[in-house]
């Protein structure tokens, strides 16, 4: 009986460690489809010691209760169990886990355009807020997943999920105090339902990268305020904001950034996305309770899309080189403007005025008018649908 109990207890210990590890990990992809994954992950990562300690104690009790002959018979199985459990523990606690797999950014250095060393073709997440502009290379964010910074003396949190290609920027000031995502190292918990989940070190709350929602923990239910951002090539960002500061590569991670840049440029993806049906990337927009997604490859092909979302007339654009999307409201003085595009120059057919990609009218009757920006997000379709299941899709 003790031998049977020994095998059951050790098997349960191994299974517990495996469930804990997989519950907050990006693989296997099938696990990401279950809505209960977040609940399971939070429970296992918070309560695992309530399983480990009793099971280890039970294993020890069975061993010491056996005869010497029985103890000898379980020596090889015992070593095997220990090695398997040890490997799983190492894999999901010391290697294949956010805080060890993705090092936090240690050297945060910004420079102006004239001192910049980042390739101008690199994608950046650009923030223009309260008169200050900063650009964060996506290849850096892809690897580190998050950077805590400030803009106009206000704390912000720049996040990126490599699994879903989703970039977000949040205001992390809550009740007069900024959340801390850096003190303890990497705050990344793992990938849950196709999206990165982070834990702040002050409250131990788990936060969803895609929505800024406090999903589990002390602050559960709170939602971080979005900070507007744009994702485009550094070349176009600096054309739009020539005085912007640009985050520079940390030399310690140069090879990792170069590898990520290759992934992004050739539209490769992480394990689990190889079966992704087209379109792999979409431009997603949420506006006044409405949600819509545009196939990014089709936007690149057509260059200009005029649409309506609810009561709002939209203009979705791609730069001629296909590196940068733009989205605006195409209303002026109560009228909907219609546009044509040639190269990177726009002309509205209403007045014949000339506009640039940045929504600014540079010549003609409407010179000086600025179109209102609409926040867009470029990401994998699966990630968009995970959090916007009722989204419509533009038919090209």
Protein backbone atom coordinates (compact mmCIF):
# COMPACT_ATOMS: atom_id res chain seq x y z
CA UNK A 1 0.00 0.00 0.00
CA UNK A 2 2.82 2.42 0.89
CA UNK A 3 4.48 1.80 -2.49
CA UNK A 4 1.24 2.63 -4.29
CA UNK A 5 0.78 5.75 -2.14
CA UNK A 6 4.40 6.75 -2.89
CA UNK A 7 3.83 6.54 -6.66
CA UNK A 8 0.53 8.44 -6.42
CA UNK A 9 2.00 11.22 -4.29
CA UNK A 10 5.08 11.69 -6.49
CA UNK A 11 2.96 11.61 -9.67
CA UNK A 12 0.66 14.24 -8.16
CA UNK A 13 3.68 16.42 -7.31
CA UNK A 14 4.99 16.21 -10.87
CA UNK A 15 1.52 16.90 -12.31
CA UNK A 16 1.01 19.88 -10.00
CA UNK A 17 4.29 21.44 -11.12
CA UNK A 18 3.44 20.84 -14.78
CA UNK A 19 -0.04 22.38 -14.49
CA UNK A 20 1.39 25.40 -12.69
CA UNK A 21 4.02 25.93 -15.36
CA UNK A 22 1.78 25.48 -18.37
CA UNK A 23 -1.04 27.57 -16.93
CA UNK A 24 0.94 30.80 -17.40
CA UNK A 25 2.96 29.92 -20.46
CA UNK A 26 2.54 30.65 -24.16
CA UNK A 27 2.68 26.99 -25.14
CA UNK A 28 0.93 24.73 -25.92
CA UNK A 29 -1.35 27.04 -27.93
CA UNK A 30 -4.43 24.91 -27.22
CA UNK A 31 -4.29 25.96 -23.56
CA UNK A 32 -4.67 29.60 -24.61
CA UNK A 33 -8.16 28.89 -25.92
CA UNK A 34 -9.69 28.16 -22.51
CA UNK A 35 -11.38 31.06 -20.75
CA UNK A 36 -10.50 29.59 -17.36
CA UNK A 37 -6.75 29.76 -18.02
CA UNK A 38 -6.30 33.01 -16.07
CA UNK A 39 -8.16 31.68 -13.04
CA UNK A 40 -6.16 28.46 -13.15
CA UNK A 41 -2.84 30.30 -13.51
CA UNK A 42 -3.52 32.72 -10.67
CA UNK A 43 -4.67 29.92 -8.38
CA UNK A 44 -1.70 27.68 -9.14
CA UNK A 45 0.95 30.39 -8.91
CA UNK A 46 -0.56 31.77 -5.70
CA UNK A 47 -1.35 28.48 -3.94
CA UNK A 48 1.22 26.02 -5.27
CA UNK A 49 2.93 25.67 -1.87
CA UNK A 50 -0.34 24.32 -0.47
CA UNK A 51 0.14 21.39 -2.85
CA UNK A 52 3.91 21.04 -2.81
CA UNK A 53 4.46 20.86 0.93
CA UNK A 54 1.74 18.29 1.77
CA UNK A 55 2.75 16.09 -1.19
CA UNK A 56 6.46 16.23 -0.25
CA UNK A 57 5.52 15.42 3.34
CA UNK A 58 3.38 12.50 2.15
CA UNK A 59 6.23 11.19 0.00
CA UNK A 60 8.57 11.37 2.98
CA UNK A 61 6.03 9.61 5.22
CA UNK A 62 5.58 6.73 2.78
CA UNK A 63 9.34 6.26 2.41
CA UNK A 64 10.02 6.15 6.15
CA UNK A 65 7.05 3.84 6.70
CA UNK A 66 8.35 1.22 4.25
CA UNK A 67 10.50 -1.75 5.00
CA UNK A 68 14.13 -1.64 3.88
CA UNK A 69 13.28 -4.03 1.07
CA UNK A 70 10.49 -1.77 -0.22
CA UNK A 71 12.71 1.31 0.11
CA UNK A 72 15.28 -0.37 -2.12
CA UNK A 73 12.60 -1.18 -4.69
CA UNK A 74 11.57 2.48 -5.06
CA UNK A 75 15.09 3.88 -5.34
CA UNK A 76 15.19 4.03 -9.15
CA UNK A 77 11.58 5.28 -9.54
CA UNK A 78 12.27 7.82 -6.80
CA UNK A 79 15.33 9.19 -8.58
CA UNK A 80 13.39 9.29 -11.86
CA UNK A 81 10.48 11.17 -10.27
CA UNK A 82 12.87 13.64 -8.64
CA UNK A 83 14.69 14.33 -11.91
CA UNK A 84 11.42 14.83 -13.80
CA UNK A 85 10.02 17.12 -11.11
CA UNK A 86 13.31 19.01 -10.88
CA UNK A 87 13.42 19.56 -14.64
CA UNK A 88 9.85 20.87 -14.72
CA UNK A 89 10.53 23.11 -11.73
CA UNK A 90 13.68 24.50 -13.39
CA UNK A 91 11.96 24.95 -16.74
CA UNK A 92 8.98 26.93 -15.48
CA UNK A 93 10.54 28.72 -12.50
CA UNK A 94 14.10 29.45 -13.56
CA UNK A 95 14.17 29.37 -17.37
CA UNK A 96 10.94 29.43 -19.39
CA UNK A 97 9.33 32.16 -17.32
CA UNK A 98 9.07 35.86 -17.96
CA UNK A 99 11.34 37.15 -15.21
CA UNK A 100 14.21 34.96 -16.44
CA UNK A 101 13.42 34.54 -20.14
CA UNK A 102 13.12 38.28 -20.80
CA UNK A 103 15.53 40.44 -18.84
CA UNK A 104 14.35 43.89 -17.77
CA UNK A 105 15.86 46.89 -19.52
CA UNK A 106 18.60 48.25 -17.27
CA UNK A 107 20.07 51.14 -19.27
CA UNK A 108 17.41 53.61 -20.41
CA UNK A 109 19.08 56.17 -22.65
CA UNK A 110 17.24 58.70 -24.84
CA UNK A 111 18.84 60.92 -27.48
CA UNK A 112 17.59 63.41 -30.04
CA UNK A 113 17.44 62.65 -33.78
CA UNK A 114 20.91 63.98 -34.55
CA UNK A 115 22.50 61.53 -32.09
CA UNK A 116 20.21 58.58 -32.80
CA UNK A 117 21.80 55.25 -33.76
CA UNK A 118 18.58 53.26 -34.32
CA UNK A 119 17.88 52.31 -37.94
CA UNK A 120 15.26 54.68 -39.33
CA UNK A 121 13.39 51.74 -40.85
CA UNK A 122 12.80 50.21 -37.41
CA UNK A 123 9.25 50.22 -36.07
CA UNK A 124 8.69 52.38 -32.99
CA UNK A 125 5.87 53.05 -30.59
CA UNK A 126 5.67 56.82 -30.43
CA UNK A 127 4.09 58.84 -27.63
CA UNK A 128 3.17 62.52 -27.99
CA UNK A 129 1.79 63.73 -24.68
CA UNK A 130 1.59 67.14 -23.01
CA UNK A 131 4.10 68.69 -25.38
CA UNK A 132 6.76 65.97 -25.15
CA UNK A 133 7.49 63.20 -27.64
CA UNK A 134 9.32 59.91 -27.15
CA UNK A 135 9.90 56.90 -29.41
CA UNK A 136 10.42 53.32 -28.22
CA UNK A 137 11.81 50.75 -30.72
CA UNK A 138 9.47 47.77 -31.06
CA UNK A 139 12.41 45.35 -31.29
CA UNK A 140 13.44 46.41 -27.77
CA UNK A 141 9.91 46.19 -26.41
CA UNK A 142 9.40 42.82 -28.12
CA UNK A 143 12.29 41.42 -26.10
CA UNK A 144 11.85 43.24 -22.77
CA UNK A 145 8.04 43.34 -23.02
CA UNK A 146 7.79 46.47 -20.91
CA UNK A 147 9.55 49.69 -19.97
CA UNK A 148 8.54 52.00 -17.15
CA UNK A 149 9.27 55.62 -18.00
CA UNK A 150 7.89 59.13 -17.63
CA UNK A 151 6.77 61.75 -20.10
CA UNK A 152 6.11 65.38 -19.21
CA UNK A 153 7.00 64.34 -15.63
CA UNK A 154 4.21 61.77 -15.54
CA UNK A 155 4.83 58.02 -15.02
CA UNK A 156 3.89 55.82 -17.95
CA UNK A 157 4.21 52.14 -18.75
CA UNK A 158 5.08 51.07 -22.30
CA UNK A 159 4.17 47.43 -22.97
CA UNK A 160 4.42 45.02 -25.87
CA UNK A 161 3.25 41.42 -26.20
CA UNK A 162 5.45 39.51 -28.64
CA UNK A 163 2.97 36.63 -28.79
CA UNK A 164 0.18 38.84 -30.11
CA UNK A 165 2.21 41.80 -31.48
CA UNK A 166 0.16 44.12 -29.32
CA UNK A 167 1.60 47.46 -28.13
CA UNK A 168 -0.01 49.58 -25.42
CA UNK A 169 0.96 52.58 -23.28
CA UNK A 170 -0.65 53.24 -19.90
CA UNK A 171 -0.83 55.86 -17.18
CA UNK A 172 0.34 53.98 -14.06
CA UNK A 173 -0.46 56.63 -11.48
CA UNK A 174 -3.11 55.20 -9.13
CA UNK A 175 -4.33 57.10 -6.06
CA UNK A 176 -1.31 59.37 -6.27
CA UNK A 177 1.29 56.58 -6.45
CA UNK A 178 2.93 55.00 -9.47
CA UNK A 179 2.80 51.24 -9.89
CA UNK A 180 6.17 49.51 -9.75
CA UNK A 181 7.02 47.06 -12.55
CA UNK A 182 10.80 47.18 -12.19
CA UNK A 183 12.08 46.78 -8.61
CA UNK A 184 11.89 42.99 -8.52
CA UNK A 185 13.24 42.46 -12.04
CA UNK A 186 10.98 41.36 -14.88
CA UNK A 187 7.29 41.73 -14.05
CA UNK A 188 6.09 39.42 -16.82
CA UNK A 189 4.07 36.52 -15.41
CA UNK A 190 3.51 34.77 -18.73
CA UNK A 191 1.19 34.42 -21.71
CA UNK A 192 -2.44 33.79 -20.82
CA UNK A 193 -5.25 33.61 -23.40
CA UNK A 194 -2.89 34.85 -26.12
CA UNK A 195 -1.73 37.91 -24.17
CA UNK A 196 1.03 38.88 -21.77
CA UNK A 197 0.15 39.24 -18.09
CA UNK A 198 2.28 41.31 -15.71
CA UNK A 199 2.51 41.62 -11.93
CA UNK A 200 3.32 44.86 -10.18
CA UNK A 201 5.60 44.64 -7.16
CA UNK A 202 3.72 46.94 -4.79
CA UNK A 203 0.35 45.21 -4.81
CA UNK A 204 1.14 41.85 -6.52
CA UNK A 205 -1.81 42.51 -8.82
CA UNK A 206 -1.90 40.75 -12.20
CA UNK A 207 -2.45 43.11 -15.16
CA UNK A 208 -3.52 42.29 -18.72
CA UNK A 209 -1.29 43.89 -21.32
CA UNK A 210 -4.02 44.24 -23.96
CA UNK A 211 -6.59 46.04 -21.83
CA UNK A 212 -4.73 47.49 -18.83
CA UNK A 213 -7.19 45.65 -16.62
CA UNK A 214 -6.26 44.49 -13.13
CA UNK A 215 -7.44 40.92 -13.62
CA UNK A 216 -6.39 39.31 -10.33
CA UNK A 217 -5.13 40.51 -6.98
CA UNK A 218 -5.54 43.49 -4.66
CA UNK A 219 -6.50 45.99 -7.38
CA UNK A 220 -8.71 43.60 -9.39
CA UNK A 221 -11.28 45.51 -11.38
CA UNK A 222 -9.25 48.68 -11.89
CA UNK A 223 -8.32 49.63 -15.44
CA UNK A 224 -5.27 51.69 -16.34
CA UNK A 225 -5.86 54.79 -18.44
CA UNK A 226 -4.65 54.56 -22.05
CA UNK A 227 -1.96 56.97 -23.20
CA UNK A 228 -2.31 57.67 -26.96
CA UNK A 229 0.46 56.22 -29.11
CA UNK A 230 1.26 55.47 -32.74
CA UNK A 231 3.24 52.58 -34.21
CA UNK A 232 5.21 53.44 -37.33
CA UNK A 233 8.73 53.56 -38.74
CA UNK A 234 11.20 55.76 -36.89
CA UNK A 235 11.73 57.64 -40.16
CA UNK A 236 8.09 58.75 -40.30
CA UNK A 237 7.90 59.39 -36.57
CA UNK A 238 10.85 61.79 -36.73
CA UNK A 239 9.42 63.48 -39.82
CA UNK A 240 6.30 64.10 -37.77
CA UNK A 241 8.10 64.91 -34.51
CA UNK A 242 11.66 66.07 -35.30
CA UNK A 243 12.29 67.01 -31.65
CA UNK A 244 11.31 63.59 -30.32
CA UNK A 245 13.63 61.70 -27.97
CA UNK A 246 14.46 58.17 -29.13
CA UNK A 247 15.19 55.26 -26.80
CA UNK A 248 18.55 53.70 -27.72
CA UNK A 249 19.52 50.04 -27.75
CA UNK A 250 21.12 48.63 -24.63
CA UNK A 251 24.46 47.22 -25.90
CA UNK A 252 24.12 44.22 -23.58
CA UNK A 253 21.14 42.99 -25.64
CA UNK A 254 22.16 44.03 -29.16
CA UNK A 255 22.15 40.48 -30.57
CA UNK A 256 18.67 39.83 -29.17
CA UNK A 257 17.35 43.07 -30.67
CA UNK A 258 18.86 42.17 -34.04
CA UNK A 259 17.18 38.76 -33.92
CA UNK A 260 13.81 40.30 -33.08
CA UNK A 261 14.20 42.86 -35.86
CA UNK A 262 14.62 39.97 -38.28
CA UNK A 263 11.43 38.36 -37.02
CA UNK A 264 9.49 41.58 -37.46
CA UNK A 265 10.87 42.45 -40.87
CA UNK A 266 10.16 39.03 -42.36
CA UNK A 267 6.79 38.69 -40.64
CA UNK A 268 7.82 35.54 -38.83
CA UNK A 269 6.21 34.72 -35.50
CA UNK A 270 6.70 32.86 -32.27
CA UNK A 271 5.82 29.15 -31.80
CA UNK A 272 2.10 28.66 -31.88
CA UNK A 273 1.39 31.19 -34.62
CA UNK A 274 2.56 29.11 -37.58
CA UNK A 275 -1.00 27.96 -38.22
CA UNK A 276 -2.38 31.51 -38.18
CA UNK A 277 -4.81 32.09 -41.03
CA UNK A 278 -4.64 35.28 -43.04
CA UNK A 279 -4.89 38.09 -42.32
CA UNK A 280 -2.22 37.69 -39.61
CA UNK A 281 -2.10 41.39 -38.74
CA UNK A 282 -4.96 43.84 -38.43
CA UNK A 283 -5.41 47.51 -37.65
CA UNK A 284 -7.94 47.51 -34.82
CA UNK A 285 -10.00 50.53 -33.81
CA UNK A 286 -12.35 51.08 -30.86
CA UNK A 287 -14.50 54.20 -31.06
CA UNK A 288 -17.60 55.17 -29.07
CA UNK A 289 -18.61 51.59 -28.38
CA UNK A 290 -17.88 50.33 -31.88
CA UNK A 291 -15.01 48.02 -32.88
CA UNK A 292 -13.62 47.25 -36.31
CA UNK A 293 -10.51 45.65 -37.76
CA UNK A 294 -8.80 46.20 -41.13
CA UNK A 295 -6.54 43.64 -42.79
CA UNK A 296 -3.16 45.38 -42.65
CA UNK A 297 -1.89 43.79 -45.85
CA UNK A 298 -4.96 45.07 -47.67
CA UNK A 299 -4.52 48.53 -46.18
CA UNK A 300 -0.92 48.49 -47.43
CA UNK A 301 -2.16 47.45 -50.88
CA UNK A 302 -4.99 49.97 -51.19
CA UNK A 303 -3.12 52.74 -49.33
CA UNK A 304 -6.35 54.59 -48.46
CA UNK A 305 -9.59 53.35 -46.89
CA UNK A 306 -12.64 55.52 -46.26
CA UNK A 307 -15.15 54.03 -43.87
CA UNK A 308 -17.83 54.86 -41.31
CA UNK A 309 -17.93 53.54 -37.76
CA UNK A 310 -21.14 54.47 -36.03
CA UNK A 311 -21.56 58.20 -36.67
CA UNK A 312 -17.89 58.74 -37.37
CA UNK A 313 -16.31 58.94 -40.84
CA UNK A 314 -12.88 57.29 -40.78
CA UNK A 315 -9.78 57.60 -42.94
CA UNK A 316 -7.26 54.74 -42.71
CA UNK A 317 -3.92 55.16 -44.48
CA UNK A 318 -0.66 53.38 -45.20
CA UNK A 319 2.56 55.12 -46.13
CA UNK A 320 3.84 54.38 -49.63
CA UNK A 321 6.61 52.15 -48.26
CA UNK A 322 4.05 50.18 -46.21
CA UNK A 323 5.79 50.82 -42.90
CA UNK A 324 3.36 53.17 -41.20
CA UNK A 325 -0.41 53.23 -40.66
CA UNK A 326 -2.46 56.32 -39.86
CA UNK A 327 -6.11 56.79 -38.87
CA UNK A 328 -8.23 59.94 -38.63
CA UNK A 329 -11.72 61.32 -38.50
CA UNK A 330 -12.37 62.79 -41.95
CA UNK A 331 -14.92 65.36 -40.85
CA UNK A 332 -14.60 69.12 -41.18
CA UNK A 333 -17.28 71.73 -40.36
CA UNK A 334 -19.96 69.05 -40.35
CA UNK A 335 -18.99 67.66 -43.75
CA UNK A 336 -17.30 64.39 -44.64
CA UNK A 337 -14.12 64.85 -46.62
CA UNK A 338 -13.19 62.39 -49.35
CA UNK A 339 -9.61 61.78 -50.34
CA UNK A 340 -7.33 60.53 -53.07
CA UNK A 341 -3.70 59.54 -52.54
CA UNK A 342 -0.64 59.81 -54.75
CA UNK A 343 2.64 58.76 -53.20
CA UNK A 344 2.45 60.15 -49.69
CA UNK A 345 0.38 63.18 -50.71
CA UNK A 346 -3.37 63.34 -50.13
CA UNK A 347 -5.92 65.51 -51.93
CA UNK A 348 -9.47 65.99 -50.71
CA UNK A 349 -11.92 65.92 -53.59
CA UNK A 350 -14.22 68.38 -51.78
CA UNK A 351 -11.92 71.41 -52.05
CA UNK A 352 -8.81 70.17 -53.86
CA UNK A 353 -6.66 70.94 -50.83
CA UNK A 354 -3.40 69.07 -50.27
CA UNK A 355 -2.68 67.05 -47.12
CA UNK A 356 0.21 65.02 -45.75
CA UNK A 357 0.10 61.61 -44.08
CA UNK A 358 0.04 63.29 -40.68
CA UNK A 359 -3.47 64.62 -41.30
CA UNK A 360 -2.31 68.19 -41.81
CA UNK A 361 -3.54 70.30 -44.70
CA UNK A 362 -0.49 71.94 -46.28
CA UNK A 363 -2.04 73.86 -49.20
CA UNK A 364 -5.39 74.94 -50.59
CA UNK A 365 -8.64 76.23 -49.18
CA UNK A 366 -8.32 74.21 -45.95
CA UNK A 367 -4.64 75.00 -45.32
CA UNK A 368 -3.81 74.71 -41.64
CA UNK A 369 -6.65 72.30 -40.79
CA UNK A 370 -5.63 69.25 -38.77
CA UNK A 371 -7.63 66.01 -38.91
CA UNK A 372 -8.41 64.42 -35.56
CA UNK A 373 -6.31 61.34 -34.86
CA UNK A 374 -8.04 58.06 -34.05
CA UNK A 375 -6.21 55.55 -31.87
CA UNK A 376 -5.39 52.35 -33.73
CA UNK A 377 -3.60 49.14 -32.74
CA UNK A 378 -1.65 46.91 -35.10
CA UNK A 379 -1.62 43.30 -33.91
CA UNK A 380 -2.43 39.68 -34.72
CA UNK A 381 -6.06 39.01 -35.55
CA UNK A 382 -6.31 36.27 -32.92
CA UNK A 383 -5.19 38.63 -30.18
CA UNK A 384 -7.65 41.28 -31.36
CA UNK A 385 -10.54 38.81 -31.37
CA UNK A 386 -9.61 37.44 -27.93
CA UNK A 387 -10.54 40.81 -26.43
CA UNK A 388 -12.88 42.16 -29.10
CA UNK A 389 -15.08 39.16 -29.98
CA UNK A 390 -17.82 41.39 -31.37
CA UNK A 391 -15.53 43.30 -33.70
CA UNK A 392 -16.63 43.78 -37.29
CA UNK A 393 -14.20 43.45 -40.22
CA UNK A 394 -13.90 45.80 -43.15
CA UNK A 395 -14.60 44.09 -46.47
CA UNK A 396 -12.07 45.13 -49.11
